[in-house]
Amino acid sequence: MLTITIQVNAPSGQAIGIKEDIAAYLEKFGDASVVSIVEKLPEQLRMDGPPQRGAGPAERTRQAVYATGNKWAIENFEATHG
């Protein structure tokens, strides 16, 4: 078993297409599956007050995943973080 970690500097919203292209390419070397995808979205400057406090890393990640509106990402997050 070989595990490969790849970072791609691409515009936001491209994660699914990139995942599919890489998975299709790797299939010629044997069975390949995508274990996880993390998309770091650009941060937006807030003008309405100080940043929220109290939200832990898991909650911030959940908020970021839901903010994308990407059904696959939401399902994947729920499946892996219960």
PDB file of N, CA and C in Angstrom:
ATOM      1  N   MET A   1       0.857  -1.176   0.000  1.00  0.00           N
ATOM      2  CA  MET A   1       0.000   0.000   0.000  1.00  0.00           C
ATOM      3  C   MET A   1       0.895   1.228   0.000  1.00  0.00           C
ATOM      4  N   LEU A   2       0.599   2.166  -0.853  1.00  0.00           N
ATOM      5  CA  LEU A   2       1.336   3.421  -0.973  1.00  0.00           C
ATOM      6  C   LEU A   2       0.368   4.561  -0.714  1.00  0.00           C
ATOM      7  N   THR A   3       0.722   5.462   0.191  1.00  0.00           N
ATOM      8  CA  THR A   3      -0.104   6.637   0.471  1.00  0.00           C
ATOM      9  C   THR A   3       0.629   7.858  -0.041  1.00  0.00           C
ATOM     10  N   ILE A   4      -0.050   8.653  -0.860  1.00  0.00           N
ATOM     11  CA  ILE A   4       0.545   9.841  -1.464  1.00  0.00           C
ATOM     12  C   ILE A   4      -0.224  11.064  -0.987  1.00  0.00           C
ATOM     13  N   THR A   5       0.495  12.090  -0.555  1.00  0.00           N
ATOM     14  CA  THR A   5      -0.123  13.358  -0.168  1.00  0.00           C
ATOM     15  C   THR A   5       0.266  14.395  -1.208  1.00  0.00           C
ATOM     16  N   ILE A   6      -0.721  15.075  -1.761  1.00  0.00           N
ATOM     17  CA  ILE A   6      -0.487  16.043  -2.832  1.00  0.00           C
ATOM     18  C   ILE A   6      -1.100  17.377  -2.437  1.00  0.00           C
ATOM     19  N   GLN A   7      -0.356  18.465  -2.648  1.00  0.00           N
ATOM     20  CA  GLN A   7      -0.903  19.803  -2.465  1.00  0.00           C
ATOM     21  C   GLN A   7      -1.000  20.446  -3.840  1.00  0.00           C
ATOM     22  N   VAL A   8      -2.153  21.034  -4.139  1.00  0.00           N
ATOM     23  CA  VAL A   8      -2.373  21.689  -5.425  1.00  0.00           C
ATOM     24  C   VAL A   8      -2.811  23.122  -5.162  1.00  0.00           C
ATOM     25  N   ASN A   9      -2.105  24.075  -5.743  1.00  0.00           N
ATOM     26  CA  ASN A   9      -2.483  25.481  -5.618  1.00  0.00           C
ATOM     27  C   ASN A   9      -3.413  25.797  -6.781  1.00  0.00           C
ATOM     28  N   ALA A  10      -4.703  25.651  -6.558  1.00  0.00           N
ATOM     29  CA  ALA A  10      -5.711  25.844  -7.605  1.00  0.00           C
ATOM     30  C   ALA A  10      -6.821  26.735  -7.065  1.00  0.00           C
ATOM     31  N   PRO A  11      -7.593  27.346  -7.962  1.00  0.00           N
ATOM     32  CA  PRO A  11      -8.716  28.180  -7.505  1.00  0.00           C
ATOM     33  C   PRO A  11      -9.703  27.361  -6.679  1.00  0.00           C
ATOM     34  N   SER A  12     -10.347  28.015  -5.708  1.00  0.00           N
ATOM     35  CA  SER A  12     -11.320  27.301  -4.882  1.00  0.00           C
ATOM     36  C   SER A  12     -12.465  26.802  -5.750  1.00  0.00           C
ATOM     37  N   GLY A  13     -13.030  25.670  -5.351  1.00  0.00           N
ATOM     38  CA  GLY A  13     -14.110  25.058  -6.106  1.00  0.00           C
ATOM     39  C   GLY A  13     -13.628  24.030  -7.115  1.00  0.00           C
ATOM     40  N   GLN A  14     -12.325  23.819  -7.216  1.00  0.00           N
ATOM     41  CA  GLN A  14     -11.765  22.882  -8.189  1.00  0.00           C
ATOM     42  C   GLN A  14     -11.436  21.518  -7.580  1.00  0.00           C
ATOM     43  N   ALA A  15     -11.698  21.335  -6.294  1.00  0.00           N
ATOM     44  CA  ALA A  15     -11.257  20.123  -5.590  1.00  0.00           C
ATOM     45  C   ALA A  15     -11.793  18.843  -6.216  1.00  0.00           C
ATOM     46  N   ILE A  16     -13.068  18.811  -6.556  1.00  0.00           N
ATOM     47  CA  ILE A  16     -13.659  17.579  -7.085  1.00  0.00           C
ATOM     48  C   ILE A  16     -13.046  17.217  -8.435  1.00  0.00           C
ATOM     49  N   GLY A  17     -12.900  18.184  -9.319  1.00  0.00           N
ATOM     50  CA  GLY A  17     -12.313  17.918 -10.632  1.00  0.00           C
ATOM     51  C   GLY A  17     -10.879  17.439 -10.531  1.00  0.00           C
ATOM     52  N   ILE A  18     -10.107  18.085  -9.673  1.00  0.00           N
ATOM     53  CA  ILE A  18      -8.709  17.690  -9.486  1.00  0.00           C
ATOM     54  C   ILE A  18      -8.638  16.291  -8.891  1.00  0.00           C
ATOM     55  N   LYS A  19      -9.494  16.011  -7.891  1.00  0.00           N
ATOM     56  CA  LYS A  19      -9.535  14.682  -7.269  1.00  0.00           C
ATOM     57  C   LYS A  19      -9.820  13.615  -8.317  1.00  0.00           C
ATOM     58  N   GLU A  20     -10.821  13.861  -9.155  1.00  0.00           N
ATOM     59  CA  GLU A  20     -11.196  12.886 -10.179  1.00  0.00           C
ATOM     60  C   GLU A  20     -10.070  12.673 -11.186  1.00  0.00           C
ATOM     61  N   ASP A  21      -9.412  13.752 -11.618  1.00  0.00           N
ATOM     62  CA  ASP A  21      -8.316  13.631 -12.580  1.00  0.00           C
ATOM     63  C   ASP A  21      -7.149  12.829 -12.005  1.00  0.00           C
ATOM     64  N   ILE A  22      -6.780  13.133 -10.762  1.00  0.00           N
ATOM     65  CA  ILE A  22      -5.661  12.421 -10.139  1.00  0.00           C
ATOM     66  C   ILE A  22      -6.017  10.955  -9.912  1.00  0.00           C
ATOM     67  N   ALA A  23      -7.231  10.687  -9.423  1.00  0.00           N
ATOM     68  CA  ALA A  23      -7.649   9.301  -9.185  1.00  0.00           C
ATOM     69  C   ALA A  23      -7.669   8.512 -10.491  1.00  0.00           C
ATOM     70  N   ALA A  24      -8.171   9.117 -11.571  1.00  0.00           N
ATOM     71  CA  ALA A  24      -8.210   8.433 -12.869  1.00  0.00           C
ATOM     72  C   ALA A  24      -6.794   8.124 -13.355  1.00  0.00           C
ATOM     73  N   TYR A  25      -5.877   9.052 -13.167  1.00  0.00           N
ATOM     74  CA  TYR A  25      -4.494   8.833 -13.583  1.00  0.00           C
ATOM     75  C   TYR A  25      -3.860   7.693 -12.781  1.00  0.00           C
ATOM     76  N   LEU A  26      -4.090   7.675 -11.477  1.00  0.00           N
ATOM     77  CA  LEU A  26      -3.471   6.665 -10.617  1.00  0.00           C
ATOM     78  C   LEU A  26      -4.056   5.270 -10.812  1.00  0.00           C
ATOM     79  N   GLU A  27      -5.268   5.165 -11.358  1.00  0.00           N
ATOM     80  CA  GLU A  27      -5.897   3.856 -11.589  1.00  0.00           C
ATOM     81  C   GLU A  27      -5.045   2.968 -12.491  1.00  0.00           C
ATOM     82  N   LYS A  28      -4.258   3.553 -13.385  1.00  0.00           N
ATOM     83  CA  LYS A  28      -3.454   2.716 -14.282  1.00  0.00           C
ATOM     84  C   LYS A  28      -2.322   2.000 -13.545  1.00  0.00           C
ATOM     85  N   PHE A  29      -2.030   2.416 -12.314  1.00  0.00           N
ATOM     86  CA  PHE A  29      -0.994   1.771 -11.517  1.00  0.00           C
ATOM     87  C   PHE A  29      -1.564   0.740 -10.552  1.00  0.00           C
ATOM     88  N   GLY A  30      -2.877   0.649 -10.455  1.00  0.00           N
ATOM     89  CA  GLY A  30      -3.528  -0.287  -9.541  1.00  0.00           C
ATOM     90  C   GLY A  30      -4.758   0.364  -8.941  1.00  0.00           C
ATOM     91  N   ASP A  31      -5.406  -0.362  -8.047  1.00  0.00           N
ATOM     92  CA  ASP A  31      -6.591   0.190  -7.392  1.00  0.00           C
ATOM     93  C   ASP A  31      -6.204   1.445  -6.620  1.00  0.00           C
ATOM     94  N   ALA A  32      -6.927   2.517  -6.852  1.00  0.00           N
ATOM     95  CA  ALA A  32      -6.658   3.788  -6.174  1.00  0.00           C
ATOM     96  C   ALA A  32      -7.954   4.316  -5.592  1.00  0.00           C
ATOM     97  N   SER A  33      -7.864   4.899  -4.424  1.00  0.00           N
ATOM     98  CA  SER A  33      -9.035   5.533  -3.824  1.00  0.00           C
ATOM     99  C   SER A  33      -8.597   6.817  -3.135  1.00  0.00           C
ATOM    100  N   VAL A  34      -9.472   7.790  -3.145  1.00  0.00           N
ATOM    101  CA  VAL A  34      -9.206   9.053  -2.478  1.00  0.00           C
ATOM    102  C   VAL A  34      -9.660   8.897  -1.032  1.00  0.00           C
ATOM    103  N   VAL A  35      -8.751   9.116  -0.107  1.00  0.00           N
ATOM    104  CA  VAL A  35      -9.052   8.947   1.310  1.00  0.00           C
ATOM    105  C   VAL A  35      -9.658  10.219   1.885  1.00  0.00           C
ATOM    106  N   SER A  36      -9.082  11.363   1.566  1.00  0.00           N
ATOM    107  CA  SER A  36      -9.646  12.618   2.069  1.00  0.00           C
ATOM    108  C   SER A  36      -9.186  13.783   1.209  1.00  0.00           C
ATOM    109  N   ILE A  37      -9.968  14.840   1.255  1.00  0.00           N
ATOM    110  CA  ILE A  37      -9.644  16.081   0.559  1.00  0.00           C
ATOM    111  C   ILE A  37      -9.890  17.215   1.542  1.00  0.00           C
ATOM    112  N   VAL A  38      -8.944  18.118   1.636  1.00  0.00           N
ATOM    113  CA  VAL A  38      -9.103  19.303   2.472  1.00  0.00           C
ATOM    114  C   VAL A  38      -8.893  20.508   1.575  1.00  0.00           C
ATOM    115  N   GLU A  39      -9.871  21.383   1.534  1.00  0.00           N
ATOM    116  CA  GLU A  39      -9.774  22.582   0.705  1.00  0.00           C
ATOM    117  C   GLU A  39      -9.673  23.787   1.626  1.00  0.00           C
ATOM    118  N   LYS A  40      -8.556  24.496   1.548  1.00  0.00           N
ATOM    119  CA  LYS A  40      -8.387  25.700   2.360  1.00  0.00           C
ATOM    120  C   LYS A  40      -8.928  26.870   1.551  1.00  0.00           C
ATOM    121  N   LEU A  41      -9.998  27.445   2.047  1.00  0.00           N
ATOM    122  CA  LEU A  41     -10.641  28.550   1.353  1.00  0.00           C
ATOM    123  C   LEU A  41      -9.991  29.867   1.742  1.00  0.00           C
ATOM    124  N   PRO A  42     -10.027  30.840   0.833  1.00  0.00           N
ATOM    125  CA  PRO A  42      -9.471  32.148   1.184  1.00  0.00           C
ATOM    126  C   PRO A  42     -10.260  32.769   2.334  1.00  0.00           C
ATOM    127  N   GLU A  43      -9.553  33.454   3.201  1.00  0.00           N
ATOM    128  CA  GLU A  43     -10.214  34.094   4.333  1.00  0.00           C
ATOM    129  C   GLU A  43     -10.696  35.476   3.920  1.00  0.00           C
ATOM    130  N   GLN A  44     -11.852  35.844   4.424  1.00  0.00           N
ATOM    131  CA  GLN A  44     -12.433  37.137   4.100  1.00  0.00           C
ATOM    132  C   GLN A  44     -12.314  38.053   5.312  1.00  0.00           C
ATOM    133  N   LEU A  45     -11.910  39.285   5.067  1.00  0.00           N
ATOM    134  CA  LEU A  45     -11.786  40.266   6.131  1.00  0.00           C
ATOM    135  C   LEU A  45     -13.160  40.605   6.678  1.00  0.00           C
ATOM    136  N   ARG A  46     -13.285  40.581   7.993  1.00  0.00           N
ATOM    137  CA  ARG A  46     -14.566  40.896   8.629  1.00  0.00           C
ATOM    138  C   ARG A  46     -14.524  42.322   9.148  1.00  0.00           C
ATOM    139  N   MET A  47     -15.591  43.065   8.883  1.00  0.00           N
ATOM    140  CA  MET A  47     -15.664  44.445   9.334  1.00  0.00           C
ATOM    141  C   MET A  47     -16.691  44.625  10.451  1.00  0.00           C
ATOM    142  N   ASP A  48     -17.355  43.546  10.875  1.00  0.00           N
ATOM    143  CA  ASP A  48     -18.443  43.665  11.832  1.00  0.00           C
ATOM    144  C   ASP A  48     -18.029  43.389  13.270  1.00  0.00           C
ATOM    145  N   GLY A  49     -16.767  43.312  13.572  1.00  0.00           N
ATOM    146  CA  GLY A  49     -16.342  43.099  14.943  1.00  0.00           C
ATOM    147  C   GLY A  49     -15.197  42.114  15.032  1.00  0.00           C
ATOM    148  N   PRO A  50     -14.797  41.810  16.250  1.00  0.00           N
ATOM    149  CA  PRO A  50     -13.681  40.880  16.430  1.00  0.00           C
ATOM    150  C   PRO A  50     -14.068  39.467  16.005  1.00  0.00           C
ATOM    151  N   PRO A  51     -13.072  38.645  15.688  1.00  0.00           N
ATOM    152  CA  PRO A  51     -13.371  37.260  15.302  1.00  0.00           C
ATOM    153  C   PRO A  51     -14.049  36.510  16.439  1.00  0.00           C
ATOM    154  N   GLN A  52     -14.841  35.526  16.080  1.00  0.00           N
ATOM    155  CA  GLN A  52     -15.547  34.732  17.079  1.00  0.00           C
ATOM    156  C   GLN A  52     -14.549  33.927  17.894  1.00  0.00           C
ATOM    157  N   ARG A  53     -14.825  33.836  19.168  1.00  0.00           N
ATOM    158  CA  ARG A  53     -13.984  33.041  20.059  1.00  0.00           C
ATOM    159  C   ARG A  53     -14.770  31.816  20.506  1.00  0.00           C
ATOM    160  N   GLY A  54     -14.065  30.783  20.887  1.00  0.00           N
ATOM    161  CA  GLY A  54     -14.716  29.621  21.453  1.00  0.00           C
ATOM    162  C   GLY A  54     -14.926  28.470  20.483  1.00  0.00           C
ATOM    163  N   ALA A  55     -14.939  28.742  19.183  1.00  0.00           N
ATOM    164  CA  ALA A  55     -15.117  27.655  18.218  1.00  0.00           C
ATOM    165  C   ALA A  55     -13.791  26.917  18.084  1.00  0.00           C
ATOM    166  N   GLY A  56     -13.817  25.617  18.328  1.00  0.00           N
ATOM    167  CA  GLY A  56     -12.601  24.820  18.236  1.00  0.00           C
ATOM    168  C   GLY A  56     -12.274  24.480  16.789  1.00  0.00           C
ATOM    169  N   PRO A  57     -11.152  23.804  16.556  1.00  0.00           N
ATOM    170  CA  PRO A  57     -10.738  23.455  15.201  1.00  0.00           C
ATOM    171  C   PRO A  57     -11.777  22.626  14.446  1.00  0.00           C
ATOM    172  N   ALA A  58     -12.409  21.673  15.124  1.00  0.00           N
ATOM    173  CA  ALA A  58     -13.406  20.831  14.447  1.00  0.00           C
ATOM    174  C   ALA A  58     -14.606  21.662  14.011  1.00  0.00           C
ATOM    175  N   GLU A  59     -15.039  22.582  14.862  1.00  0.00           N
ATOM    176  CA  GLU A  59     -16.190  23.422  14.524  1.00  0.00           C
ATOM    177  C   GLU A  59     -15.848  24.376  13.386  1.00  0.00           C
ATOM    178  N   ARG A  60     -14.646  24.952  13.414  1.00  0.00           N
ATOM    179  CA  ARG A  60     -14.237  25.849  12.323  1.00  0.00           C
ATOM    180  C   ARG A  60     -14.151  25.084  11.005  1.00  0.00           C
ATOM    181  N   THR A  61     -13.654  23.844  11.055  1.00  0.00           N
ATOM    182  CA  THR A  61     -13.575  23.025   9.848  1.00  0.00           C
ATOM    183  C   THR A  61     -14.971  22.702   9.339  1.00  0.00           C
ATOM    184  N   ARG A  62     -15.881  22.339  10.253  1.00  0.00           N
ATOM    185  CA  ARG A  62     -17.262  22.051   9.857  1.00  0.00           C
ATOM    186  C   ARG A  62     -17.896  23.272   9.195  1.00  0.00           C
ATOM    187  N   GLN A  63     -17.692  24.442   9.768  1.00  0.00           N
ATOM    188  CA  GLN A  63     -18.250  25.665   9.192  1.00  0.00           C
ATOM    189  C   GLN A  63     -17.690  25.917   7.796  1.00  0.00           C
ATOM    190  N   ALA A  64     -16.388  25.695   7.628  1.00  0.00           N
ATOM    191  CA  ALA A  64     -15.763  25.912   6.321  1.00  0.00           C
ATOM    192  C   ALA A  64     -16.299  24.932   5.283  1.00  0.00           C
ATOM    193  N   VAL A  65     -16.469  23.673   5.672  1.00  0.00           N
ATOM    194  CA  VAL A  65     -16.988  22.663   4.742  1.00  0.00           C
ATOM    195  C   VAL A  65     -18.418  23.001   4.335  1.00  0.00           C
ATOM    196  N   TYR A  66     -19.265  23.349   5.306  1.00  0.00           N
ATOM    197  CA  TYR A  66     -20.653  23.689   4.991  1.00  0.00           C
ATOM    198  C   TYR A  66     -20.739  24.973   4.167  1.00  0.00           C
ATOM    199  N   ALA A  67     -19.806  25.895   4.368  1.00  0.00           N
ATOM    200  CA  ALA A  67     -19.825  27.154   3.620  1.00  0.00           C
ATOM    201  C   ALA A  67     -19.585  26.932   2.130  1.00  0.00           C
ATOM    202  N   THR A  68     -18.899  25.843   1.774  1.00  0.00           N
ATOM    203  CA  THR A  68     -18.653  25.576   0.356  1.00  0.00           C
ATOM    204  C   THR A  68     -19.927  25.173  -0.368  1.00  0.00           C
ATOM    205  N   GLY A  69     -20.882  24.577   0.357  1.00  0.00           N
ATOM    206  CA  GLY A  69     -22.106  24.091  -0.273  1.00  0.00           C
ATOM    207  C   GLY A  69     -21.878  22.827  -1.090  1.00  0.00           C
ATOM    208  N   ASN A  70     -20.674  22.275  -1.031  1.00  0.00           N
ATOM    209  CA  ASN A  70     -20.303  21.090  -1.792  1.00  0.00           C
ATOM    210  C   ASN A  70     -20.870  19.851  -1.094  1.00  0.00           C
ATOM    211  N   LYS A  71     -21.864  19.219  -1.708  1.00  0.00           N
ATOM    212  CA  LYS A  71     -22.537  18.078  -1.082  1.00  0.00           C
ATOM    213  C   LYS A  71     -21.575  16.932  -0.799  1.00  0.00           C
ATOM    214  N   TRP A  72     -20.638  16.672  -1.740  1.00  0.00           N
ATOM    215  CA  TRP A  72     -19.686  15.588  -1.537  1.00  0.00           C
ATOM    216  C   TRP A  72     -18.803  15.884  -0.332  1.00  0.00           C
ATOM    217  N   ALA A  73     -18.329  17.117  -0.214  1.00  0.00           N
ATOM    218  CA  ALA A  73     -17.455  17.477   0.903  1.00  0.00           C
ATOM    219  C   ALA A  73     -18.199  17.372   2.229  1.00  0.00           C
ATOM    220  N   ILE A  74     -19.467  17.791   2.239  1.00  0.00           N
ATOM    221  CA  ILE A  74     -20.268  17.717   3.460  1.00  0.00           C
ATOM    222  C   ILE A  74     -20.483  16.261   3.861  1.00  0.00           C
ATOM    223  N   GLU A  75     -20.830  15.411   2.887  1.00  0.00           N
ATOM    224  CA  GLU A  75     -21.024  13.987   3.180  1.00  0.00           C
ATOM    225  C   GLU A  75     -19.732  13.356   3.680  1.00  0.00           C
ATOM    226  N   ASN A  76     -18.616  13.702   3.037  1.00  0.00           N
ATOM    227  CA  ASN A  76     -17.323  13.158   3.441  1.00  0.00           C
ATOM    228  C   ASN A  76     -16.969  13.613   4.856  1.00  0.00           C
ATOM    229  N   PHE A  77     -17.218  14.891   5.168  1.00  0.00           N
ATOM    230  CA  PHE A  77     -16.926  15.404   6.502  1.00  0.00           C
ATOM    231  C   PHE A  77     -17.768  14.687   7.548  1.00  0.00           C
ATOM    232  N   GLU A  78     -19.071  14.550   7.277  1.00  0.00           N
ATOM    233  CA  GLU A  78     -19.964  13.885   8.232  1.00  0.00           C
ATOM    234  C   GLU A  78     -19.569  12.420   8.436  1.00  0.00           C
ATOM    235  N   ALA A  79     -19.150  11.764   7.352  1.00  0.00           N
ATOM    236  CA  ALA A  79     -18.771  10.352   7.447  1.00  0.00           C
ATOM    237  C   ALA A  79     -17.494  10.166   8.266  1.00  0.00           C
ATOM    238  N   THR A  80     -16.579  11.125   8.180  1.00  0.00           N
ATOM    239  CA  THR A  80     -15.303  10.974   8.871  1.00  0.00           C
ATOM    240  C   THR A  80     -15.274  11.619  10.247  1.00  0.00           C
ATOM    241  N   HIS A  81     -16.201  12.534  10.518  1.00  0.00           N
ATOM    242  CA  HIS A  81     -16.191  13.237  11.808  1.00  0.00           C
ATOM    243  C   HIS A  81     -17.457  12.996  12.624  1.00  0.00           C
ATOM    244  N   GLY A  82     -18.347  12.144  12.110  1.00  0.00           N
ATOM    245  CA  GLY A  82     -19.544  11.729  12.816  1.00  0.00           C
ATOM    246  C   GLY A  82     -20.331  12.833  13.360  1.00  0.00           C
TER     247      GLY A  82
END
